[in-house]
N, C-alpha and C. Protein backbone atom coordinates (compact mmCIF):
# COMPACT_ATOMS: atom_id res chain seq x y z
N MET A 1 113.79 97.28 137.83
CA MET A 1 115.08 97.07 136.97
C MET A 1 114.79 96.39 135.62
N TYR A 2 114.02 95.40 135.64
CA TYR A 2 113.52 94.60 134.49
C TYR A 2 112.94 95.48 133.64
N PHE A 3 111.94 96.26 134.11
CA PHE A 3 111.05 97.19 133.32
C PHE A 3 111.93 98.20 132.53
N CYS A 4 112.95 98.65 133.29
CA CYS A 4 113.87 99.77 132.54
C CYS A 4 114.71 99.03 131.43
N LYS A 5 115.09 97.87 131.62
CA LYS A 5 115.87 97.19 130.56
C LYS A 5 115.00 96.91 129.39
N LYS A 6 113.73 96.43 129.70
CA LYS A 6 112.69 96.15 128.65
C LYS A 6 112.33 97.43 127.71
N LEU A 7 112.25 98.44 128.54
CA LEU A 7 112.04 99.86 127.94
C LEU A 7 113.06 100.33 126.97
N ILE A 8 114.37 100.17 127.42
CA ILE A 8 115.51 100.45 126.61
C ILE A 8 115.57 99.68 125.57
N MET A 9 115.40 98.44 125.62
CA MET A 9 115.43 97.37 124.45
C MET A 9 114.33 97.81 123.35
N LYS A 10 113.14 98.28 123.81
CA LYS A 10 112.19 98.66 122.91
C LYS A 10 112.56 99.95 122.26
N LYS A 11 113.17 100.90 122.91
CA LYS A 11 113.58 102.08 122.25
C LYS A 11 114.76 101.87 121.26
N ASN A 12 115.57 100.90 121.55
CA ASN A 12 116.58 100.52 120.57
C ASN A 12 116.18 99.97 119.41
N LYS A 13 115.09 99.05 119.55
CA LYS A 13 114.48 98.32 118.39
C LYS A 13 113.76 99.37 117.50
N LEU A 14 113.18 100.44 118.17
CA LEU A 14 112.37 101.50 117.43
C LEU A 14 113.42 102.35 116.66
N ALA A 15 114.53 102.69 117.38
CA ALA A 15 115.51 103.59 116.74
C ALA A 15 116.12 102.80 115.47
N THR A 16 116.30 101.56 115.62
CA THR A 16 116.88 100.68 114.49
C THR A 16 115.90 100.71 113.41
N PHE A 17 114.66 100.49 113.78
CA PHE A 17 113.59 100.34 112.63
C PHE A 17 113.44 101.63 112.01
N VAL A 18 113.56 102.90 112.62
CA VAL A 18 113.46 104.17 111.97
C VAL A 18 114.61 104.51 111.13
N GLN A 19 115.88 103.97 111.61
CA GLN A 19 117.08 104.32 110.88
C GLN A 19 117.15 103.58 109.54
N VAL A 20 116.37 102.36 109.49
CA VAL A 20 116.51 101.54 108.17
C VAL A 20 115.36 101.91 107.36
N TYR A 21 114.22 102.28 107.98
CA TYR A 21 113.05 102.49 107.08
C TYR A 21 112.55 103.82 106.95
N TYR A 22 113.27 104.73 107.37
CA TYR A 22 113.03 106.13 107.35
C TYR A 22 112.53 106.63 105.87
N PRO A 23 113.29 106.10 104.78
CA PRO A 23 112.88 106.54 103.44
C PRO A 23 111.44 105.99 103.15
N VAL A 24 111.07 104.89 103.49
CA VAL A 24 109.78 104.32 103.23
C VAL A 24 108.71 105.00 103.99
N ILE A 25 108.94 105.36 105.26
CA ILE A 25 108.09 106.15 106.01
C ILE A 25 107.83 107.50 105.44
N LEU A 26 108.92 108.13 105.06
CA LEU A 26 108.79 109.46 104.42
C LEU A 26 108.01 109.46 103.25
N ALA A 27 108.29 108.52 102.37
CA ALA A 27 107.64 108.32 101.11
C ALA A 27 106.12 108.00 101.24
N PHE A 28 105.76 107.22 102.21
CA PHE A 28 104.31 106.94 102.49
C PHE A 28 103.63 108.29 103.00
N MET A 29 104.32 108.93 103.75
CA MET A 29 103.70 110.26 104.15
C MET A 29 103.46 111.19 103.09
N CYS A 30 104.37 111.24 102.07
CA CYS A 30 104.29 111.99 100.85
C CYS A 30 103.03 111.62 100.04
N LEU A 31 102.97 110.20 99.92
CA LEU A 31 101.86 109.61 99.18
C LEU A 31 100.49 109.99 99.75
N LEU A 32 100.48 109.97 101.09
CA LEU A 32 99.14 110.27 101.73
C LEU A 32 98.94 111.85 101.58
N TYR A 33 100.04 112.55 101.51
CA TYR A 33 99.82 114.02 101.34
C TYR A 33 99.16 114.28 99.93
N SER A 34 99.83 113.66 98.92
CA SER A 34 99.41 113.75 97.48
C SER A 34 97.93 113.25 97.31
N VAL A 35 97.63 112.14 97.94
CA VAL A 35 96.29 111.57 97.76
C VAL A 35 95.29 112.58 98.42
N SER A 36 95.51 113.17 99.71
CA SER A 36 94.70 114.07 100.29
C SER A 36 94.64 115.30 99.61
N LEU A 37 95.49 115.85 98.80
CA LEU A 37 95.35 116.86 97.91
C LEU A 37 94.40 116.73 96.79
N GLY A 38 94.52 115.61 96.24
CA GLY A 38 93.69 115.10 95.07
C GLY A 38 92.28 114.97 95.56
N LEU A 39 92.14 114.43 96.84
CA LEU A 39 90.63 114.23 97.29
C LEU A 39 90.10 115.69 97.64
N PHE A 40 90.84 116.62 98.06
CA PHE A 40 90.33 117.94 98.29
C PHE A 40 90.11 119.01 97.13
N GLY A 41 90.43 118.27 95.97
CA GLY A 41 90.19 118.99 94.69
C GLY A 41 91.51 119.86 94.17
N TYR A 42 92.62 119.60 94.77
CA TYR A 42 93.85 120.39 94.40
C TYR A 42 94.57 119.36 93.36
N THR A 43 94.09 119.27 92.22
CA THR A 43 94.69 118.18 91.32
C THR A 43 96.01 118.44 90.72
N GLU A 44 96.22 119.70 90.44
CA GLU A 44 97.56 120.08 89.92
C GLU A 44 98.63 119.90 91.06
N GLU A 45 98.45 120.37 92.21
CA GLU A 45 99.34 120.24 93.29
C GLU A 45 99.46 118.67 93.64
N ALA A 46 98.39 117.93 93.57
CA ALA A 46 98.54 116.43 93.83
C ALA A 46 99.41 115.87 92.72
N GLN A 47 99.20 116.16 91.53
CA GLN A 47 100.16 115.51 90.45
C GLN A 47 101.50 116.01 90.68
N TYR A 48 101.81 117.25 91.15
CA TYR A 48 103.20 117.70 91.48
C TYR A 48 103.80 116.83 92.59
N SER A 49 103.12 116.74 93.64
CA SER A 49 103.62 116.03 94.79
C SER A 49 103.52 114.58 94.57
N ALA A 50 102.95 113.94 93.55
CA ALA A 50 102.99 112.59 93.35
C ALA A 50 104.22 111.95 92.98
N HIS A 51 105.08 112.81 92.55
CA HIS A 51 106.41 112.45 92.17
C HIS A 51 107.45 112.13 93.31
N TRP A 52 107.21 112.79 94.50
CA TRP A 52 107.99 112.81 95.62
C TRP A 52 108.35 111.37 96.22
N PRO A 53 107.34 110.62 96.40
CA PRO A 53 107.63 109.25 96.93
C PRO A 53 108.62 108.47 96.21
N GLY A 54 108.47 108.51 94.83
CA GLY A 54 109.49 107.68 94.01
C GLY A 54 110.70 108.42 93.92
N THR A 55 110.84 109.70 94.03
CA THR A 55 112.17 110.27 93.99
C THR A 55 112.82 110.02 95.38
N ILE A 56 112.17 110.08 96.41
CA ILE A 56 112.74 109.80 97.85
C ILE A 56 113.32 108.32 98.00
N LEU A 57 112.54 107.36 97.38
CA LEU A 57 112.93 105.97 97.38
C LEU A 57 114.19 105.78 96.46
N LEU A 58 114.17 106.49 95.28
CA LEU A 58 115.17 106.24 94.41
C LEU A 58 116.49 106.81 95.00
N PHE A 59 116.46 108.02 95.56
CA PHE A 59 117.63 108.50 96.26
C PHE A 59 118.16 107.65 97.46
N ALA A 60 117.18 107.21 98.17
CA ALA A 60 117.63 106.22 99.30
C ALA A 60 118.35 105.07 98.82
N VAL A 61 117.89 104.56 97.68
CA VAL A 61 118.56 103.34 97.12
C VAL A 61 120.01 103.77 96.57
N ALA A 62 120.03 104.79 95.99
CA ALA A 62 121.37 105.28 95.35
C ALA A 62 122.36 105.58 96.51
N ILE A 63 121.80 106.24 97.52
CA ILE A 63 122.78 106.66 98.75
C ILE A 63 123.24 105.33 99.39
N ARG A 64 122.35 104.34 99.65
CA ARG A 64 122.67 103.19 100.36
C ARG A 64 123.61 102.34 99.35
N GLN A 65 123.39 102.44 98.10
CA GLN A 65 124.26 101.61 97.25
C GLN A 65 125.72 102.16 97.30
N ARG A 66 125.85 103.54 97.26
CA ARG A 66 127.18 104.25 97.30
C ARG A 66 127.73 103.91 98.66
N ARG A 67 126.91 103.95 99.77
CA ARG A 67 127.51 103.70 101.06
C ARG A 67 128.04 102.27 101.14
N ASN A 68 127.42 101.28 100.62
CA ASN A 68 127.83 99.87 100.60
C ASN A 68 129.05 99.65 99.84
N ASP A 69 129.18 100.42 98.71
CA ASP A 69 130.40 100.40 97.86
C ASP A 69 131.66 100.93 98.52
N ILE A 70 131.35 101.94 99.33
CA ILE A 70 132.54 102.47 99.98
C ILE A 70 133.01 101.64 101.04
N LYS A 71 131.99 100.92 101.70
CA LYS A 71 132.41 100.13 102.98
C LYS A 71 133.07 98.90 102.39
N LYS A 72 132.94 98.47 101.16
CA LYS A 72 133.63 97.22 100.65
C LYS A 72 135.00 97.62 100.29
N GLN A 73 135.34 99.00 99.99
CA GLN A 73 136.71 99.12 99.55
C GLN A 73 137.63 99.28 100.64
């Protein structure tokens, strides 16, 4: 019984972590994708995809800011 409770608590912590930090995780994966393209010699594709992490993070900030503004009203 104790093991099940502990496992459920770990799943809840992981779910909360992913819900909060999913933009950062996604941006990091895009950054790794861009760097790997550059290392393999696809420089134009790497430059194109290099803008994705910043855009993802900016949209996440804007969405959370709007969400917080709506909650305050």
